[in-house]
């Protein structure tokens, strides 16, 4: 037993862990309304996709020139948010940042929710989704799309393992404590706990497995968004023809993911009374992390525009003009100033890293990150090397139709459904890791 805790204090602490872990798993006010809302949005999205599937991609605003529209921007955004699992669980875990322990499981849940839907977002962009199987049957190793699918599937699998493995001791713990859980949930816990009894050998194997997965997922995560960037950078289009896209996309992913974690932390803290686990200190540290990755992202943003603006080749000049003072200037400067510049400025000060303020800032950052992906995709396609001529007027511009917006809302809804279900079915508090940090692992296993 820990020298700093008496037997009674240890019992009280374990009782608190159990109570706080079980509370979110039981019926909670607003849960059914929230799920009903998400399912309704998903239903509208299903109808919109049905119309798109039966009438063809002509139902969208995408045409011969703007062949990549909102859907591809969605894909890049979903992949970006999915990288947060690697950032929090792997990188901070390997660096032994103890403050990140209560947050690691939240980050893995968000990563799973978004990366699992990323593949479906790509399917929504296909006019013939029935031919998706051809990618696996006839895909060529020279194709960046094959690379993308491979790393997405690999990252999803490793993220799932990195989420499930640390759950094993906690599932065995709650299985003993939560006597009124439904039969299906008990059976699920029984299967996933893999006969855990908490022996030193099991703990040693668990630590070794988590560390190995944490190491493996880092290059896979870097590859997943680097390969996604290559889908753009491997072309000669103005705005995409750059070698900086790999680290640029990865740094932007860290910004999106960190902002997403902050928002979910705040929801859990407020709705499930988990203030003792998601403390002001954790928000302060996440704010500092968001400032750091935002500054890194700002550096690559500067590189993205400064270098072509200095050379000002004819194609780049047209593209940059549309961003700086043309049709997309309002959106571009809003994203740069409101979505990145001002948040960094506010978060530098401690008051900006308080839970309420930081959550509001994180929401602005996340919206800005999504709009940034839109800016990366659309303006470049609007400026091909050959002029757009002898085509209908609607080929000259792009704005998403209601069908694209509905399908996009459905993708977000499905990701949130996955996140919500995981939060309601499995404990979000890493109890055994907190007990281990307190030096009461042995008492944790004997607790009943």
Protein backbone atom coordinates (compact mmCIF):
# COMPACT_ATOMS: atom_id res chain seq x y z
CA UNK A 1 0.00 0.00 0.00
CA UNK A 2 1.11 3.56 -0.61
CA UNK A 3 2.92 5.05 2.40
CA UNK A 4 1.03 8.33 1.95
CA UNK A 5 -2.45 6.78 2.17
CA UNK A 6 -3.98 4.94 5.09
CA UNK A 7 -6.19 1.90 4.60
CA UNK A 8 -9.29 4.03 5.14
CA UNK A 9 -8.12 6.75 2.74
CA UNK A 10 -7.39 4.12 0.11
CA UNK A 11 -10.87 2.68 0.47
CA UNK A 12 -12.46 6.12 0.18
CA UNK A 13 -10.41 6.90 -2.94
CA UNK A 14 -11.34 3.60 -4.62
CA UNK A 15 -15.00 4.16 -3.75
CA UNK A 16 -14.76 7.55 -5.43
CA UNK A 17 -13.12 6.08 -8.53
CA UNK A 18 -15.89 3.48 -8.78
CA UNK A 19 -18.69 5.99 -8.26
CA UNK A 20 -17.30 8.51 -10.73
CA UNK A 21 -16.59 5.84 -13.36
CA UNK A 22 -20.03 4.25 -13.11
CA UNK A 23 -22.02 7.53 -13.08
CA UNK A 24 -21.66 8.26 -16.84
CA UNK A 25 -22.58 4.65 -17.68
CA UNK A 26 -26.06 4.95 -16.19
CA UNK A 27 -29.01 6.81 -17.68
CA UNK A 28 -28.28 10.49 -17.83
CA UNK A 29 -30.57 13.44 -18.34
CA UNK A 30 -30.53 14.59 -21.94
CA UNK A 31 -28.94 11.41 -23.31
CA UNK A 32 -32.05 10.19 -25.18
CA UNK A 33 -32.77 13.69 -26.52
CA UNK A 34 -29.18 14.04 -27.71
CA UNK A 35 -29.22 10.62 -29.41
CA UNK A 36 -32.61 11.35 -30.93
CA UNK A 37 -31.26 14.57 -32.41
CA UNK A 38 -28.20 12.82 -33.87
CA UNK A 39 -30.32 10.01 -35.33
CA UNK A 40 -32.71 12.57 -36.88
CA UNK A 41 -29.76 14.36 -38.53
CA UNK A 42 -28.49 10.99 -39.73
CA UNK A 43 -31.92 10.21 -41.19
CA UNK A 44 -31.94 13.46 -43.21
CA UNK A 45 -28.40 12.68 -44.37
CA UNK A 46 -29.48 9.19 -45.43
CA UNK A 47 -32.28 10.65 -47.53
CA UNK A 48 -29.92 13.20 -49.10
CA UNK A 49 -27.41 10.48 -49.93
CA UNK A 50 -30.21 8.36 -51.43
CA UNK A 51 -31.05 11.23 -53.77
CA UNK A 52 -27.39 11.63 -54.68
CA UNK A 53 -26.96 7.91 -55.28
CA UNK A 54 -30.04 7.59 -57.48
CA UNK A 55 -29.58 10.80 -59.50
CA UNK A 56 -25.77 10.86 -59.60
CA UNK A 57 -23.18 13.38 -58.46
CA UNK A 58 -24.95 15.97 -60.58
CA UNK A 59 -27.11 16.49 -57.50
CA UNK A 60 -24.09 18.10 -55.90
CA UNK A 61 -22.30 21.32 -56.93
CA UNK A 62 -19.23 19.35 -58.05
CA UNK A 63 -18.51 19.50 -61.77
CA UNK A 64 -15.69 18.67 -64.17
CA UNK A 65 -13.45 21.41 -62.78
CA UNK A 66 -14.50 21.38 -59.12
CA UNK A 67 -14.34 17.61 -58.93
CA UNK A 68 -13.33 17.74 -55.25
CA UNK A 69 -15.77 19.69 -53.15
CA UNK A 70 -16.98 19.69 -49.56
CA UNK A 71 -16.66 15.91 -49.26
CA UNK A 72 -12.88 15.87 -49.69
CA UNK A 73 -12.54 18.80 -47.27
CA UNK A 74 -14.55 16.67 -44.82
CA UNK A 75 -12.24 13.71 -45.35
CA UNK A 76 -9.12 15.76 -44.62
CA UNK A 77 -10.78 17.21 -41.50
CA UNK A 78 -11.92 13.84 -40.15
CA UNK A 79 -8.46 12.35 -40.63
CA UNK A 80 -6.98 15.39 -38.90
CA UNK A 81 -9.13 15.09 -35.78
CA UNK A 82 -8.41 11.35 -35.70
CA UNK A 83 -4.71 12.01 -35.14
CA UNK A 84 -5.35 13.27 -31.60
CA UNK A 85 -5.12 9.72 -30.27
CA UNK A 86 -1.50 9.56 -31.31
CA UNK A 87 -0.73 13.02 -29.93
CA UNK A 88 -2.20 12.47 -26.45
CA UNK A 89 -1.98 8.72 -25.81
CA UNK A 90 1.25 7.95 -27.63
CA UNK A 91 3.46 11.05 -27.71
CA UNK A 92 2.56 12.45 -24.28
CA UNK A 93 2.40 8.94 -22.85
CA UNK A 94 5.87 8.03 -24.10
CA UNK A 95 7.15 11.34 -22.72
CA UNK A 96 5.64 10.29 -19.35
CA UNK A 97 3.46 13.38 -19.05
CA UNK A 98 1.45 12.28 -16.01
CA UNK A 99 -1.13 15.05 -16.37
CA UNK A 100 -2.31 13.54 -19.66
CA UNK A 101 -3.43 10.22 -18.10
CA UNK A 102 -7.07 11.22 -17.40
CA UNK A 103 -7.30 12.66 -20.92
CA UNK A 104 -5.79 9.76 -22.86
CA UNK A 105 -8.98 7.71 -23.01
CA UNK A 106 -10.99 10.72 -24.18
CA UNK A 107 -8.48 11.29 -26.99
CA UNK A 108 -8.72 7.66 -28.12
CA UNK A 109 -12.52 7.80 -28.19
CA UNK A 110 -12.44 10.94 -30.36
CA UNK A 111 -9.79 9.39 -32.61
CA UNK A 112 -11.86 6.25 -33.14
CA UNK A 113 -15.08 8.17 -33.77
CA UNK A 114 -13.59 10.37 -36.49
CA UNK A 115 -11.16 8.02 -38.18
CA UNK A 116 -13.83 5.30 -38.51
CA UNK A 117 -16.10 7.72 -40.36
CA UNK A 118 -13.33 9.14 -42.56
CA UNK A 119 -13.61 6.16 -44.90
CA UNK A 120 -17.38 6.66 -45.25
CA UNK A 121 -16.81 10.31 -46.13
CA UNK A 122 -14.71 9.16 -49.09
CA UNK A 123 -17.50 6.78 -50.17
CA UNK A 124 -19.93 9.71 -50.18
CA UNK A 125 -17.70 11.36 -52.81
CA UNK A 126 -17.97 8.37 -55.15
CA UNK A 127 -20.54 8.29 -57.92
CA UNK A 128 -20.28 4.50 -58.02
CA UNK A 129 -19.63 3.30 -54.45
CA UNK A 130 -20.30 -0.27 -55.60
CA UNK A 131 -16.88 -0.15 -57.25
CA UNK A 132 -15.07 0.48 -53.97
CA UNK A 133 -14.15 -3.20 -53.88
CA UNK A 134 -12.09 -2.68 -57.03
CA UNK A 135 -9.63 -0.64 -54.96
CA UNK A 136 -8.75 -3.74 -52.97
CA UNK A 137 -8.92 -6.12 -55.91
CA UNK A 138 -7.07 -4.12 -58.54
CA UNK A 139 -5.34 -1.30 -56.62
CA UNK A 140 -1.77 -0.52 -57.68
CA UNK A 141 1.06 0.14 -55.28
CA UNK A 142 1.92 3.29 -57.30
CA UNK A 143 -1.40 4.88 -56.33
CA UNK A 144 -1.41 7.33 -53.38
CA UNK A 145 -5.08 6.41 -52.88
CA UNK A 146 -4.08 2.82 -52.12
CA UNK A 147 -1.47 4.12 -49.68
CA UNK A 148 -4.13 6.29 -48.04
CA UNK A 149 -6.60 3.45 -47.58
CA UNK A 150 -3.87 1.19 -46.19
CA UNK A 151 -2.64 3.62 -43.55
CA UNK A 152 -6.20 4.64 -42.56
CA UNK A 153 -7.15 1.02 -41.92
CA UNK A 154 -3.89 0.35 -40.06
CA UNK A 155 -4.28 3.44 -37.89
CA UNK A 156 -7.90 2.54 -37.07
CA UNK A 157 -6.88 -0.96 -36.00
CA UNK A 158 -4.01 0.23 -33.80
CA UNK A 159 -6.16 2.99 -32.28
CA UNK A 160 -8.81 0.42 -31.43
CA UNK A 161 -6.21 -1.74 -29.66
CA UNK A 162 -4.77 1.30 -27.88
CA UNK A 163 -8.27 2.08 -26.63
CA UNK A 164 -9.30 -1.46 -25.62
CA UNK A 165 -6.11 -2.66 -23.91
CA UNK A 166 -6.03 0.01 -21.15
CA UNK A 167 -9.74 -0.73 -20.55
CA UNK A 168 -9.12 -4.34 -19.50
CA UNK A 169 -8.39 -3.80 -15.76
CA UNK A 170 -11.17 -1.22 -15.46
CA UNK A 171 -13.75 -3.52 -17.07
CA UNK A 172 -12.83 -6.28 -14.63
CA UNK A 173 -13.11 -3.75 -11.80
CA UNK A 174 -16.54 -2.39 -12.77
CA UNK A 175 -17.84 -5.86 -13.51
CA UNK A 176 -17.47 -6.63 -9.80
CA UNK A 177 -18.77 -3.28 -8.58
CA UNK A 178 -21.70 -2.44 -10.85
CA UNK A 179 -24.23 -5.11 -9.83
CA UNK A 180 -27.20 -3.67 -11.74
CA UNK A 181 -25.64 -3.48 -15.20
CA UNK A 182 -27.60 -5.03 -18.10
CA UNK A 183 -26.78 -8.63 -19.01
CA UNK A 184 -25.43 -7.69 -22.43
CA UNK A 185 -23.08 -5.15 -20.87
CA UNK A 186 -21.86 -7.66 -18.29
CA UNK A 187 -21.19 -10.22 -21.03
CA UNK A 188 -19.37 -7.60 -23.09
CA UNK A 189 -17.19 -6.65 -20.13
CA UNK A 190 -16.60 -10.32 -19.41
CA UNK A 191 -15.33 -10.95 -22.93
CA UNK A 192 -13.20 -7.79 -23.23
CA UNK A 193 -11.62 -8.14 -19.77
CA UNK A 194 -9.99 -11.37 -21.05
CA UNK A 195 -10.02 -13.12 -17.70
CA UNK A 196 -8.12 -10.32 -15.96
CA UNK A 197 -7.23 -11.04 -12.34
CA UNK A 198 -4.55 -8.39 -11.86
CA UNK A 199 -1.42 -10.48 -11.41
CA UNK A 200 2.01 -8.78 -11.70
CA UNK A 201 2.62 -10.77 -14.89
CA UNK A 202 -0.58 -9.43 -16.44
CA UNK A 203 0.33 -5.86 -15.52
CA UNK A 204 3.80 -6.31 -16.96
CA UNK A 205 2.37 -7.65 -20.24
CA UNK A 206 -0.22 -4.86 -20.35
CA UNK A 207 2.40 -2.13 -19.89
CA UNK A 208 4.63 -3.70 -22.52
CA UNK A 209 1.76 -4.01 -25.03
CA UNK A 210 0.60 -0.40 -24.52
CA UNK A 211 4.14 0.91 -24.89
CA UNK A 212 4.69 -1.11 -28.07
CA UNK A 213 1.44 0.15 -29.59
CA UNK A 214 2.28 3.72 -28.56
CA UNK A 215 5.57 3.47 -30.43
CA UNK A 216 4.06 1.84 -33.53
CA UNK A 217 1.17 4.29 -33.85
CA UNK A 218 3.45 7.36 -34.11
CA UNK A 219 4.88 6.61 -37.59
CA UNK A 220 1.52 5.23 -38.74
CA UNK A 221 -0.26 8.43 -37.66
CA UNK A 222 2.37 10.60 -39.32
CA UNK A 223 2.00 8.48 -42.46
CA UNK A 224 -1.80 8.70 -42.53
CA UNK A 225 -1.93 12.49 -42.83
CA UNK A 226 1.28 12.78 -44.82
CA UNK A 227 -0.14 10.43 -47.45
CA UNK A 228 -3.39 12.42 -47.41
CA UNK A 229 -1.34 15.55 -48.13
CA UNK A 230 0.39 13.76 -51.01
CA UNK A 231 -3.00 13.33 -52.72
CA UNK A 232 -2.84 17.10 -53.14
CA UNK A 233 0.89 17.78 -53.38
CA UNK A 234 1.57 15.12 -56.02
CA UNK A 235 -0.19 17.35 -58.57
CA UNK A 236 1.11 20.43 -60.41
CA UNK A 237 -1.83 22.61 -59.43
CA UNK A 238 -1.15 26.10 -58.10
CA UNK A 239 -1.77 26.09 -54.36
CA UNK A 240 -0.95 22.39 -53.96
CA UNK A 241 2.41 22.17 -55.76
CA UNK A 242 4.53 22.33 -52.61
CA UNK A 243 6.72 20.06 -50.51
CA UNK A 244 5.54 21.54 -47.20
CA UNK A 245 2.13 19.87 -47.25
CA UNK A 246 3.19 16.78 -45.25
CA UNK A 247 4.23 18.51 -42.00
CA UNK A 248 1.68 21.26 -42.70
CA UNK A 249 -1.21 18.77 -42.63
CA UNK A 250 0.17 16.94 -39.59
CA UNK A 251 0.57 20.13 -37.54
CA UNK A 252 -2.93 21.21 -38.56
CA UNK A 253 -4.23 17.82 -37.43
CA UNK A 254 -2.76 18.35 -33.97
CA UNK A 255 -4.59 21.68 -33.74
CA UNK A 256 -7.95 20.14 -34.72
CA UNK A 257 -7.54 17.15 -32.43
CA UNK A 258 -6.42 19.13 -29.38
CA UNK A 259 -9.39 21.49 -29.79
CA UNK A 260 -11.76 18.53 -30.04
CA UNK A 261 -10.38 16.98 -26.84
CA UNK A 262 -10.84 20.24 -24.92
CA UNK A 263 -14.51 20.43 -25.94
CA UNK A 264 -15.24 16.82 -24.93
CA UNK A 265 -13.36 17.32 -21.65
CA UNK A 266 -15.61 20.27 -20.85
CA UNK A 267 -18.79 18.32 -21.67
CA UNK A 268 -17.72 15.42 -19.44
CA UNK A 269 -16.67 17.77 -16.66
CA UNK A 270 -20.05 19.56 -16.68
CA UNK A 271 -22.51 16.77 -17.51
CA UNK A 272 -20.96 13.91 -15.53
CA UNK A 273 -19.48 15.88 -12.63
CA UNK A 274 -15.91 14.83 -13.38
CA UNK A 275 -14.29 18.06 -12.26
CA UNK A 276 -11.79 16.13 -10.11
CA UNK A 277 -10.37 14.41 -13.22
CA UNK A 278 -10.62 17.21 -15.77
CA UNK A 279 -9.35 19.97 -13.51
CA UNK A 280 -8.41 23.57 -14.19
CA UNK A 281 -4.83 22.33 -14.33
CA UNK A 282 -5.65 19.90 -17.15
CA UNK A 283 -7.37 22.66 -19.13
CA UNK A 284 -4.38 24.91 -18.53
CA UNK A 285 -2.01 22.23 -19.84
CA UNK A 286 -4.22 21.47 -22.84
CA UNK A 287 -4.35 25.21 -23.56
CA UNK A 288 -0.56 25.36 -23.54
CA UNK A 289 -0.44 22.32 -25.83
CA UNK A 290 -2.94 23.97 -28.20
CA UNK A 291 -0.85 27.16 -28.24
CA UNK A 292 2.27 25.16 -29.08
CA UNK A 293 0.73 23.18 -31.96
CA UNK A 294 -1.06 26.33 -33.21
CA UNK A 295 2.24 28.21 -33.38
CA UNK A 296 3.74 25.28 -35.27
CA UNK A 297 0.76 25.33 -37.63
CA UNK A 298 1.06 29.10 -38.06
CA UNK A 299 4.69 28.64 -39.12
CA UNK A 300 3.67 26.24 -41.89
CA UNK A 301 0.84 28.58 -42.90
CA UNK A 302 3.45 31.30 -43.36
CA UNK A 303 5.53 28.93 -45.49
CA UNK A 304 2.50 27.96 -47.54
CA UNK A 305 1.90 31.51 -48.72
CA UNK A 306 5.16 33.42 -48.32
CA UNK A 307 7.22 31.30 -50.72
CA UNK A 308 4.78 31.35 -53.68
CA UNK A 309 3.99 35.02 -53.01
CA UNK A 310 7.69 35.86 -53.19
CA UNK A 311 8.15 34.05 -56.53
CA UNK A 312 4.69 35.08 -57.79
CA UNK A 313 4.50 32.78 -60.78
CA UNK A 314 1.50 33.49 -62.97
CA UNK A 315 -0.60 30.54 -61.77
CA UNK A 316 0.23 31.16 -58.14
CA UNK A 317 -0.52 34.86 -58.54
CA UNK A 318 -4.09 34.15 -59.65
CA UNK A 319 -4.60 31.69 -56.80
CA UNK A 320 -3.16 34.00 -54.13
CA UNK A 321 -5.17 36.97 -55.43
CA UNK A 322 -8.41 35.02 -54.95
CA UNK A 323 -7.38 34.26 -51.36
CA UNK A 324 -5.98 37.64 -50.36
CA UNK A 325 -8.38 40.00 -52.07
CA UNK A 326 -10.67 38.03 -54.34
CA UNK A 327 -13.74 35.83 -53.95
CA UNK A 328 -12.36 33.87 -50.98
CA UNK A 329 -10.69 36.76 -49.16
CA UNK A 330 -13.39 37.10 -46.49
CA UNK A 331 -13.28 33.42 -45.61
CA UNK A 332 -9.49 33.25 -45.83
CA UNK A 333 -8.78 36.19 -43.51
CA UNK A 334 -11.50 35.11 -41.08
CA UNK A 335 -9.85 31.70 -40.74
CA UNK A 336 -6.37 33.17 -40.36
CA UNK A 337 -7.28 35.91 -37.90
CA UNK A 338 -10.32 34.63 -35.98
CA UNK A 339 -9.63 30.92 -36.31
CA UNK A 340 -5.90 30.99 -35.55
CA UNK A 341 -4.32 34.36 -34.74
CA UNK A 342 -6.66 35.64 -32.03
CA UNK A 343 -7.01 32.23 -30.29
CA UNK A 344 -3.22 32.00 -29.97
CA UNK A 345 -3.11 35.52 -28.56
CA UNK A 346 -5.84 34.84 -25.99
CA UNK A 347 -4.46 31.44 -24.93
CA UNK A 348 -1.03 32.89 -24.17
CA UNK A 349 -2.61 34.47 -21.08
CA UNK A 350 -3.63 32.23 -18.19
CA UNK A 351 -7.17 33.60 -18.12
CA UNK A 352 -7.66 32.39 -21.69
CA UNK A 353 -6.84 28.86 -20.54
CA UNK A 354 -9.60 28.72 -17.92
CA UNK A 355 -12.14 25.94 -18.69
CA UNK A 356 -15.02 28.14 -19.94
CA UNK A 357 -12.83 30.48 -21.96
CA UNK A 358 -10.65 27.72 -23.38
CA UNK A 359 -13.64 25.65 -24.47
CA UNK A 360 -15.10 28.62 -26.36
CA UNK A 361 -11.71 29.27 -27.98
CA UNK A 362 -11.37 25.57 -28.87
CA UNK A 363 -14.78 25.64 -30.59
CA UNK A 364 -13.67 28.64 -32.67
CA UNK A 365 -10.39 26.90 -33.52
CA UNK A 366 -12.23 23.72 -34.57
CA UNK A 367 -14.62 25.64 -36.84
CA UNK A 368 -11.66 27.52 -38.30
CA UNK A 369 -9.82 24.24 -38.88
CA UNK A 370 -12.78 22.85 -40.82
CA UNK A 371 -13.09 25.99 -42.96
CA UNK A 372 -9.34 25.89 -43.56
CA UNK A 373 -9.72 22.49 -45.22
CA UNK A 374 -12.41 23.99 -47.44
CA UNK A 375 -9.99 26.77 -48.44
CA UNK A 376 -7.26 24.24 -49.23
CA UNK A 377 -9.53 22.26 -51.57
CA UNK A 378 -11.86 24.62 -53.44
CA UNK A 379 -9.91 27.75 -54.56
CA UNK A 380 -7.13 25.68 -56.11
CA UNK A 381 -9.60 23.72 -58.24
CA UNK A 382 -11.16 26.99 -59.35
CA UNK A 383 -7.92 27.95 -61.11
CA UNK A 384 -6.85 25.28 -63.62
CA UNK A 385 -4.00 26.08 -65.98
CA UNK A 386 -6.39 26.13 -68.95
CA UNK A 387 -9.22 28.68 -68.73
CA UNK A 388 -12.72 27.45 -67.94
CA UNK A 389 -14.64 28.13 -71.16
CA UNK A 390 -17.43 26.77 -73.35
CA UNK A 391 -19.17 25.23 -70.32
CA UNK A 392 -22.39 26.10 -68.45
CA UNK A 393 -22.25 28.99 -66.01
CA UNK A 394 -22.49 26.75 -62.92
CA UNK A 395 -19.13 25.19 -63.88
CA UNK A 396 -17.45 28.52 -63.08
CA UNK A 397 -18.28 28.54 -59.38
CA UNK A 398 -18.83 26.19 -56.48
CA UNK A 399 -21.02 26.35 -53.40
CA UNK A 400 -22.21 23.16 -51.68
CA UNK A 401 -25.80 22.12 -52.29
CA UNK A 402 -28.13 21.17 -49.46
CA UNK A 403 -27.42 17.53 -50.28
CA UNK A 404 -23.69 17.98 -49.64
CA UNK A 405 -24.40 19.88 -46.44
CA UNK A 406 -26.84 17.21 -45.24
CA UNK A 407 -24.43 14.36 -45.98
CA UNK A 408 -21.68 16.31 -44.21
CA UNK A 409 -23.92 16.82 -41.17
CA UNK A 410 -24.68 13.10 -41.26
CA UNK A 411 -20.97 12.25 -41.15
CA UNK A 412 -20.49 14.46 -38.09
CA UNK A 413 -23.61 12.97 -36.55
CA UNK A 414 -22.36 9.42 -37.03
CA UNK A 415 -18.97 10.28 -35.51
CA UNK A 416 -20.71 11.85 -32.50
CA UNK A 417 -22.95 8.80 -32.15
CA UNK A 418 -19.88 6.55 -31.95
CA UNK A 419 -18.25 8.86 -29.40
CA UNK A 420 -21.45 9.09 -27.32
CA UNK A 421 -21.97 5.32 -27.29
CA UNK A 422 -18.37 4.65 -26.26
CA UNK A 423 -18.70 7.19 -23.45
CA UNK A 424 -21.91 5.53 -22.23
CA UNK A 425 -20.81 1.90 -22.54
CA UNK A 426 -17.22 2.05 -21.29
CA UNK A 427 -15.66 3.96 -18.36
CA UNK A 428 -13.96 7.18 -19.39
CA UNK A 429 -11.83 7.42 -16.24
CA UNK A 430 -8.62 5.31 -16.41
CA UNK A 431 -9.02 4.01 -12.85
CA UNK A 432 -6.19 1.49 -12.75
CA UNK A 433 -3.71 4.03 -14.11
CA UNK A 434 -4.75 6.59 -11.50
CA UNK A 435 -4.55 3.91 -8.79
CA UNK A 436 -1.11 2.93 -10.03
CA UNK A 437 -0.01 6.56 -9.88
CA UNK A 438 -1.20 6.70 -6.24
CA UNK A 439 0.65 3.48 -5.46
CA UNK A 440 -2.49 1.48 -4.64
CA UNK A 441 -2.57 -0.99 -7.56
CA UNK A 442 -2.70 -3.98 -5.21
CA UNK A 443 -5.67 -2.54 -3.30
CA UNK A 444 -7.35 -1.68 -6.61
CA UNK A 445 -7.33 -5.34 -7.62
CA UNK A 446 -8.55 -6.52 -4.21
CA UNK A 447 -11.32 -3.94 -4.06
CA UNK A 448 -14.84 -5.35 -3.93
